Amino acid sequence: MSRTLRPSAMGSRVGALASPGLALLLSLTAHCSGPQAKGLPKGGLNASEANTWVRNNTSLLQNFWCLPASQLPREQLSSLIRSLASQRVVLKAWQLSCLANLAAQLGLQDDFEFHPPNLLLFYDLSQVGDTNCRAFIHHAAQGDTELLTNLPNQRVALQRTALACLGGPHLQLSASDLWLLGVLVCDMEAAQIVTADPSVLRNLLRCPRLTVMQTAALNTLLASGKTQIGPPGSWNLQGLQALGLLATYISPHLWEKVQEAVGLDFFRSVVAACRAGQLSRHDARRFVDNFLESKATSVSSRPKRRTGRSCVRGNITAATLHDDLFLVHYDCTQLESCLGTRVLRANLDPLLQHPLPAECQRVVKAKLTQIYPHGIPEDQLHLIPSLVYLYSLAEIGQWNITSGDTVMILLASDAALDNQTEAVLQRFLDHNGKVTGALLVAIGGSRLCWMSLKQLQFIQPSEFRLAGAPDISPCPQSRKDALFVKAHEVFRNTSNVGEYYYLIRPYLGGAPLEELQYLAQANISMDIDTFTNLNPLTLKSMGVDSVRNLLGQNLGDLRKARNHPNVILWMHSHNMTDLSDMGLYTSPTQAYVANRPPNTAYPPSGLIHSLDPPGNDGVSHTSGSPPVHLGYLSLAVALPSSLLWLLLCQLPSGQMATAHRTLEPMALAQGSRTPEHQIPEKQSC
């Protein structure tokens, strides 16, 4: 069967596209997506229309996966990668790692300048030559290094490669060095930041977060006065705003040195940005806490405290709550004394739009309890997501939750605590609510971790299918196990093993040993990101050959993750001779904490054996959900059904029937059980 695809449904116009890979991409997305694909003419697209169609359907490209892409010729894969770059399609780590391997196998790594920066993070860095080292690192440094969370060795190697491009470690990073390093500065130690050229602030702006030591380094650098905004006493509003999120890390000590008028103007701008949704409450609250701490002893900013809890500043009114400097004028003690319940009831929303310190939030919660002693009404629940974490499970049990919208608001990522998820959902279910696929997508995969087993059973299979690919890696192992059982029940009758793997992949962290052994035999080439999130004790029970077969063409990625706790645990259970045959030359007892980037955290090796919660979670599974009983499958069966039938549609009817008869027995299970991944008998082309 030819590897070059010419879909008849799209006609010769698609085949004439200058980008063959894009032509294939269009045909696959249109075939798989149906009504989701926007504006695709029945007659196909010409070359000038293709990029417009892709721009309008970028979300479909985010569903990219490596199994069908692995069958593309070099030119088509190259076109696909360039399309992903030009349209800035955001892919996840599990997609990027295997795509990087496909590109390397076909010799596309040298075309890195046309590839997405995030893809470069996953390339084999030993293949980066001296002549193009600087260009490669600069392009890769535009990516998101958080994607390498499960590849600690790759992250360290990226740092070392970058420093090698500079001629070795530098005592002081120059402006040109920093231009090259980009986001890689976020993984550097505090000492390197302090001694770097002041333009390092531009690099730090790209960091998703700063460590405690990096925060101290930032404040040391700002205090020196060597940055573009000068010494703290000369700061102005424009300079502070130019710092972006870095300004939220400024210490109380530095705020004391800033001119009062400038500080207050900046305070107003932060509160306004928070109210407008342009700044997260978490970042705004960090700034507010630091700023108010600096003003705690200032006579001009704080009234002298009187004995008792009398209202000194004057009663809080609706107008007071609309003042962006409200938190400067009223500390939490004055908030408690000066805020009446009538004003609070009528102005809860504007009050909670302020980034209240935790102490002030507790004051508001106590006053709401006085107003609503039998539970907060549902319309008011929409206003209090920032306070939800303060409520006990018993208090949540008093709420009446009848709308899925209320659930979404309360279970937003920055609202309820994880262990409040079950209680909030239960109040919804008690009022005949239904957990839909849209609701699951809205509240995020981590919330699945905290649903009860009974609540999971309430989810209909049709809705579970619509939940997308949730990230359940933060879940306790017991919940991962339960989610796998649910997912296997829903997806077990998928038509072929390739599509089954695509659907079940997010839930494999709870897969039993026999499921992983089946997948190892099915030649699915598991990506390294999924592999590192498997149950560590189940993974420990897998032999070297099973792991080799499971990872397939992605086996080389083990070297990039060999200091990941789960990989270390697996390596400890095998002898070094077998591991060396797989290219794992480094001893698993090597101290993997040394040289790790400061933003990467792993538990000490002594804790690896206690990663699972108490109970039976730590027992390697030898039973559970029934495995899929299949023999080895041909490449065609491993493809998703949409691509398989696209291939078969190109054959004359006689050849198609022959191909169907050839494929069908290969999908039958061994023994007498009904096959769970068999090819449908009839399929319209």
Foldseek 3Di string as FASTA:
>chain_A
DDLQFDFPQQPCQLVQAPASLLSVVVLLLCLPPPPLQPDADSNHDHNVCSLVSCLVVLVSLQLDACLSVLSHALRNLLSNQLSCQVSVRDYALQRLQVSLLSCVVNPNVVVVVSGQLCSLLNHDLVPDDLVCLLVSQLSVLVDDCVSCQLQQLSLLVSVQSLQVNVVHDDQEAEPVSCSSNALNCQLDFLNRLLRYQLVCLNSVVPDPDHDPSVLVSLQNNQCVLRHPQGHQQRHAQVNLVVSPLNNLSHALVSLLNHPPVRVVVNLLVLLVCLLVVNDPLVSSLSSVVRPLVNCVPPCVQEPDDDPDLAQDLAADALVLLQRSCNCSNAPLSNCLHRYDLVRCVVRVQSNVSGSHDPSNLVSSVVSVCVVPVQADELVCLLRPQQNQQVDDLVRLLSYQDADLVSLLSNLAPNGHDLQNLQSNVVNNVVNVHACALVSLLSNAQCNLLNHDLVNLVRHDLVRVQSVAQGQNLVHFQVSLLSVLLSQCVSLLQAQFDQVSCSSSLSSQLNPALVQLLVLLQQQNQRGVVSVLSHPLLRLLPDDLSSVCSNNPSSLVSCCSNCQRLSNLSNQVSDDQVSVVVSVNNDHSVPASVPSGRPVHDDDGNVCSQVSHDDDCSNPHDPDDPDHQAAGYADSLRNDHPSVSVSVLVVDPPVVSVVVLVVRQVRQAGPDDDGHSRGHDPDDDD
